[in-house]
Amino acid sequence: MVRKTLSERRASKLTKLDELKSQIAHMEEIAAMRFGKLAVRAGLVELNLSEPELLRELFAIAARFRNGSEIAASDGAHAPLQGGQDGKEAEHGC
C-alpha cells in the first residue's frame, strides 16, 4: 500500500472540513427557517422593535430557559431590557 503524501492527506482533510462546514450551514438554515416561522406566528414581525431591542429580548428569553444563567457580552448588546418593551407583560397568554 502506497502512503499518501502530506499534500494529498491535507487536501483530503480540507475537503472533509468544507463538507462539514456546509452541513453546519445547512443545519443553521433549517433552524433559522423554523425560528422565523415561529416568530411570524407569534406576531414578532408586527412589533416596532429595532434589531438590537429584539435581540436583547431574545437573549432574555434564552437566559430564562437556561435557568436564569447570564449571557456574557463584551459590548452589552446581550443585556435584557428592563421590564420588556414597554414595561408591561405580554397579553397573549403564552
N, C-alpha and C. Protein backbone atom coordinates (compact mmCIF):
# COMPACT_ATOMS: atom_id res chain seq x y z
N MET A 1 0.85 -1.19 0.00
CA MET A 1 0.00 0.00 0.00
C MET A 1 0.89 1.25 0.00
N VAL A 2 0.59 2.16 -0.89
CA VAL A 2 1.37 3.37 -1.03
C VAL A 2 0.82 4.44 -0.09
N ARG A 3 1.73 5.01 0.66
CA ARG A 3 1.34 6.07 1.60
C ARG A 3 1.11 7.37 0.83
N LYS A 4 0.02 8.08 1.20
CA LYS A 4 -0.29 9.36 0.56
C LYS A 4 0.70 10.42 1.04
N THR A 5 0.93 11.37 0.17
CA THR A 5 1.82 12.48 0.54
C THR A 5 1.10 13.40 1.50
N LEU A 6 1.88 14.24 2.15
CA LEU A 6 1.29 15.22 3.07
C LEU A 6 0.29 16.11 2.34
N SER A 7 0.62 16.52 1.14
CA SER A 7 -0.28 17.38 0.36
C SER A 7 -1.60 16.67 0.07
N GLU A 8 -1.55 15.40 -0.25
CA GLU A 8 -2.77 14.63 -0.53
C GLU A 8 -3.61 14.46 0.72
N ARG A 9 -2.94 14.14 1.83
CA ARG A 9 -3.69 13.99 3.09
C ARG A 9 -4.30 15.31 3.52
N ARG A 10 -3.54 16.39 3.36
CA ARG A 10 -4.05 17.73 3.72
C ARG A 10 -5.26 18.09 2.86
N ALA A 11 -5.17 17.84 1.57
CA ALA A 11 -6.28 18.14 0.65
C ALA A 11 -7.52 17.34 1.02
N SER A 12 -7.32 16.08 1.39
CA SER A 12 -8.44 15.24 1.80
C SER A 12 -9.13 15.79 3.05
N LYS A 13 -8.31 16.18 4.03
CA LYS A 13 -8.88 16.73 5.28
C LYS A 13 -9.58 18.06 5.02
N LEU A 14 -9.02 18.89 4.16
CA LEU A 14 -9.66 20.17 3.84
C LEU A 14 -10.99 19.96 3.14
N THR A 15 -11.06 18.96 2.29
CA THR A 15 -12.32 18.62 1.62
C THR A 15 -13.36 18.20 2.65
N LYS A 16 -12.96 17.35 3.59
CA LYS A 16 -13.88 16.92 4.64
C LYS A 16 -14.32 18.10 5.50
N LEU A 17 -13.38 19.01 5.78
CA LEU A 17 -13.71 20.19 6.57
C LEU A 17 -14.74 21.05 5.84
N ASP A 18 -14.55 21.25 4.55
CA ASP A 18 -15.51 22.02 3.76
C ASP A 18 -16.89 21.36 3.76
N GLU A 19 -16.92 20.03 3.68
CA GLU A 19 -18.19 19.31 3.71
C GLU A 19 -18.88 19.50 5.06
N LEU A 20 -18.11 19.45 6.15
CA LEU A 20 -18.69 19.65 7.48
C LEU A 20 -19.21 21.08 7.65
N LYS A 21 -18.45 22.04 7.14
CA LYS A 21 -18.91 23.44 7.21
C LYS A 21 -20.22 23.61 6.44
N SER A 22 -20.33 22.95 5.31
CA SER A 22 -21.55 23.02 4.52
C SER A 22 -22.73 22.40 5.27
N GLN A 23 -22.49 21.27 5.93
CA GLN A 23 -23.54 20.62 6.71
C GLN A 23 -23.99 21.50 7.87
N ILE A 24 -23.04 22.16 8.53
CA ILE A 24 -23.38 23.06 9.64
C ILE A 24 -24.22 24.23 9.12
N ALA A 25 -23.82 24.80 7.99
CA ALA A 25 -24.57 25.92 7.40
C ALA A 25 -25.99 25.48 7.06
N HIS A 26 -26.14 24.28 6.53
CA HIS A 26 -27.46 23.77 6.20
C HIS A 26 -28.31 23.59 7.47
N MET A 27 -27.72 23.06 8.52
CA MET A 27 -28.45 22.88 9.78
C MET A 27 -28.88 24.24 10.34
N GLU A 28 -28.01 25.24 10.24
CA GLU A 28 -28.35 26.58 10.73
C GLU A 28 -29.47 27.20 9.91
N GLU A 29 -29.48 26.97 8.60
CA GLU A 29 -30.56 27.47 7.74
C GLU A 29 -31.90 26.86 8.14
N ILE A 30 -31.90 25.57 8.40
CA ILE A 30 -33.13 24.89 8.81
C ILE A 30 -33.62 25.45 10.14
N ALA A 31 -32.70 25.64 11.09
CA ALA A 31 -33.07 26.19 12.39
C ALA A 31 -33.60 27.61 12.25
N ALA A 32 -32.98 28.41 11.38
CA ALA A 32 -33.43 29.79 11.16
C ALA A 32 -34.82 29.83 10.54
N MET A 33 -35.07 28.94 9.60
CA MET A 33 -36.41 28.89 8.98
C MET A 33 -37.45 28.51 10.02
N ARG A 34 -37.14 27.54 10.86
CA ARG A 34 -38.08 27.11 11.91
C ARG A 34 -38.35 28.27 12.86
N PHE A 35 -37.29 28.93 13.32
CA PHE A 35 -37.45 30.05 14.25
C PHE A 35 -38.21 31.19 13.60
N GLY A 36 -37.91 31.46 12.33
CA GLY A 36 -38.60 32.53 11.61
C GLY A 36 -40.10 32.27 11.51
N LYS A 37 -40.46 31.04 11.21
CA LYS A 37 -41.89 30.69 11.12
C LYS A 37 -42.57 30.89 12.48
N LEU A 38 -41.89 30.50 13.54
CA LEU A 38 -42.47 30.68 14.88
C LEU A 38 -42.58 32.16 15.24
N ALA A 39 -41.58 32.95 14.84
CA ALA A 39 -41.61 34.38 15.12
C ALA A 39 -42.78 35.05 14.40
N VAL A 40 -43.02 34.66 13.16
CA VAL A 40 -44.16 35.20 12.41
C VAL A 40 -45.45 34.79 13.09
N ARG A 41 -45.54 33.54 13.45
CA ARG A 41 -46.75 33.03 14.10
C ARG A 41 -47.04 33.73 15.43
N ALA A 42 -45.97 34.07 16.15
CA ALA A 42 -46.12 34.75 17.45
C ALA A 42 -46.36 36.25 17.30
N GLY A 43 -46.26 36.77 16.07
CA GLY A 43 -46.52 38.18 15.85
C GLY A 43 -45.32 39.08 16.05
N LEU A 44 -44.12 38.52 16.15
CA LEU A 44 -42.94 39.35 16.36
C LEU A 44 -42.66 40.27 15.19
N VAL A 45 -43.07 39.89 14.00
CA VAL A 45 -42.81 40.74 12.84
C VAL A 45 -43.68 41.99 12.85
N GLU A 46 -44.72 41.99 13.64
CA GLU A 46 -45.62 43.14 13.72
C GLU A 46 -45.16 44.17 14.74
N LEU A 47 -44.19 43.81 15.58
CA LEU A 47 -43.72 44.72 16.62
C LEU A 47 -42.78 45.76 16.02
N ASN A 48 -42.86 46.95 16.54
CA ASN A 48 -42.00 48.03 16.07
C ASN A 48 -40.75 48.09 16.95
N LEU A 49 -39.92 47.04 16.85
CA LEU A 49 -38.69 46.97 17.64
C LEU A 49 -37.49 47.05 16.70
N SER A 50 -36.47 47.75 17.16
CA SER A 50 -35.23 47.75 16.38
C SER A 50 -34.57 46.39 16.54
N GLU A 51 -33.64 46.10 15.67
CA GLU A 51 -32.94 44.81 15.74
C GLU A 51 -32.22 44.62 17.07
N PRO A 52 -31.51 45.65 17.60
CA PRO A 52 -30.86 45.47 18.91
C PRO A 52 -31.87 45.22 20.03
N GLU A 53 -33.02 45.91 19.99
CA GLU A 53 -34.04 45.69 21.02
C GLU A 53 -34.58 44.27 20.96
N LEU A 54 -34.90 43.81 19.77
CA LEU A 54 -35.42 42.47 19.60
C LEU A 54 -34.39 41.43 20.02
N LEU A 55 -33.15 41.66 19.65
CA LEU A 55 -32.08 40.73 20.02
C LEU A 55 -31.92 40.66 21.54
N ARG A 56 -31.97 41.80 22.22
CA ARG A 56 -31.88 41.80 23.70
C ARG A 56 -33.01 40.99 24.31
N GLU A 57 -34.20 41.15 23.78
CA GLU A 57 -35.34 40.39 24.31
C GLU A 57 -35.19 38.89 24.05
N LEU A 58 -34.68 38.55 22.88
CA LEU A 58 -34.47 37.13 22.58
C LEU A 58 -33.40 36.53 23.49
N PHE A 59 -32.35 37.29 23.78
CA PHE A 59 -31.34 36.82 24.74
C PHE A 59 -31.96 36.65 26.13
N ALA A 60 -32.85 37.55 26.50
CA ALA A 60 -33.50 37.44 27.80
C ALA A 60 -34.35 36.18 27.88
N ILE A 61 -35.05 35.88 26.80
CA ILE A 61 -35.86 34.65 26.76
C ILE A 61 -34.96 33.43 26.87
N ALA A 62 -33.87 33.43 26.11
CA ALA A 62 -32.93 32.30 26.16
C ALA A 62 -32.37 32.13 27.56
N ALA A 63 -32.02 33.23 28.21
CA ALA A 63 -31.48 33.16 29.56
C ALA A 63 -32.50 32.59 30.54
N ARG A 64 -33.77 32.95 30.38
CA ARG A 64 -34.82 32.42 31.25
C ARG A 64 -34.90 30.90 31.15
N PHE A 65 -34.74 30.38 29.94
CA PHE A 65 -34.84 28.94 29.74
C PHE A 65 -33.54 28.21 30.07
N ARG A 66 -32.51 28.96 30.33
CA ARG A 66 -31.24 28.37 30.79
C ARG A 66 -31.13 28.52 32.30
N ASN A 67 -32.25 28.45 32.97
CA ASN A 67 -32.30 28.55 34.44
C ASN A 67 -31.70 29.85 34.95
N GLY A 68 -31.94 30.91 34.23
CA GLY A 68 -31.52 32.23 34.69
C GLY A 68 -30.05 32.52 34.53
N SER A 69 -29.32 31.67 33.83
CA SER A 69 -27.90 31.93 33.65
C SER A 69 -27.72 33.17 32.79
N GLU A 70 -26.69 33.95 33.11
CA GLU A 70 -26.45 35.18 32.38
C GLU A 70 -25.65 34.89 31.13
N ILE A 71 -25.90 35.68 30.11
CA ILE A 71 -25.16 35.57 28.86
C ILE A 71 -24.16 36.72 28.84
N ALA A 72 -22.89 36.37 28.82
CA ALA A 72 -21.85 37.40 28.85
C ALA A 72 -21.73 38.07 27.49
N ALA A 73 -21.58 39.39 27.52
CA ALA A 73 -21.40 40.13 26.28
C ALA A 73 -20.42 41.26 26.53
N SER A 74 -19.42 41.35 25.72
CA SER A 74 -18.43 42.39 25.90
C SER A 74 -18.96 43.75 25.50
N ASP A 75 -19.91 43.78 24.55
CA ASP A 75 -20.43 45.06 24.08
C ASP A 75 -21.74 45.47 24.75
N GLY A 76 -22.27 44.64 25.64
CA GLY A 76 -23.51 44.96 26.33
C GLY A 76 -24.76 44.74 25.52
N ALA A 77 -24.64 44.26 24.30
CA ALA A 77 -25.80 44.08 23.43
C ALA A 77 -26.69 42.93 23.89
N HIS A 78 -26.18 42.06 24.73
CA HIS A 78 -26.94 40.91 25.14
C HIS A 78 -27.70 41.13 26.44
N ALA A 79 -27.61 42.29 26.99
CA ALA A 79 -28.32 42.56 28.24
C ALA A 79 -29.81 42.73 27.97
N PRO A 80 -30.66 42.07 28.76
CA PRO A 80 -32.10 42.21 28.53
C PRO A 80 -32.59 43.61 28.89
N LEU A 81 -33.64 44.03 28.21
CA LEU A 81 -34.28 45.31 28.54
C LEU A 81 -34.98 45.17 29.87
N GLN A 82 -35.04 46.22 30.62
CA GLN A 82 -35.73 46.20 31.91
C GLN A 82 -37.23 46.26 31.70
N GLY A 83 -37.96 45.25 32.20
CA GLY A 83 -39.41 45.26 32.15
C GLY A 83 -40.01 45.00 30.78
N GLY A 84 -39.23 44.54 29.82
CA GLY A 84 -39.78 44.27 28.50
C GLY A 84 -39.84 45.51 27.65
N GLN A 85 -40.54 45.44 26.54
CA GLN A 85 -40.59 46.50 25.57
C GLN A 85 -41.14 47.79 26.16
N ASP A 86 -42.28 47.70 26.82
CA ASP A 86 -42.88 48.93 27.36
C ASP A 86 -43.15 48.80 28.85
N GLY A 87 -42.48 47.83 29.50
CA GLY A 87 -42.65 47.67 30.94
C GLY A 87 -43.85 46.84 31.32
N LYS A 88 -44.60 46.31 30.35
CA LYS A 88 -45.79 45.52 30.61
C LYS A 88 -45.55 44.08 30.21
N GLU A 89 -46.25 43.17 30.81
CA GLU A 89 -46.18 41.77 30.44
C GLU A 89 -46.97 41.58 29.14
N ALA A 90 -46.60 40.59 28.37
CA ALA A 90 -47.32 40.30 27.13
C ALA A 90 -48.75 39.88 27.45
N GLU A 91 -49.65 40.25 26.56
CA GLU A 91 -51.07 39.99 26.80
C GLU A 91 -51.59 38.82 25.98
N HIS A 92 -50.70 38.03 25.40
CA HIS A 92 -51.17 36.95 24.54
C HIS A 92 -51.37 35.65 25.29
N GLY A 93 -51.06 35.57 26.57
CA GLY A 93 -51.38 34.41 27.37
C GLY A 93 -50.47 33.22 27.19
N CYS A 94 -49.28 33.39 26.61
CA CYS A 94 -48.35 32.25 26.44
C CYS A 94 -47.53 32.05 27.68
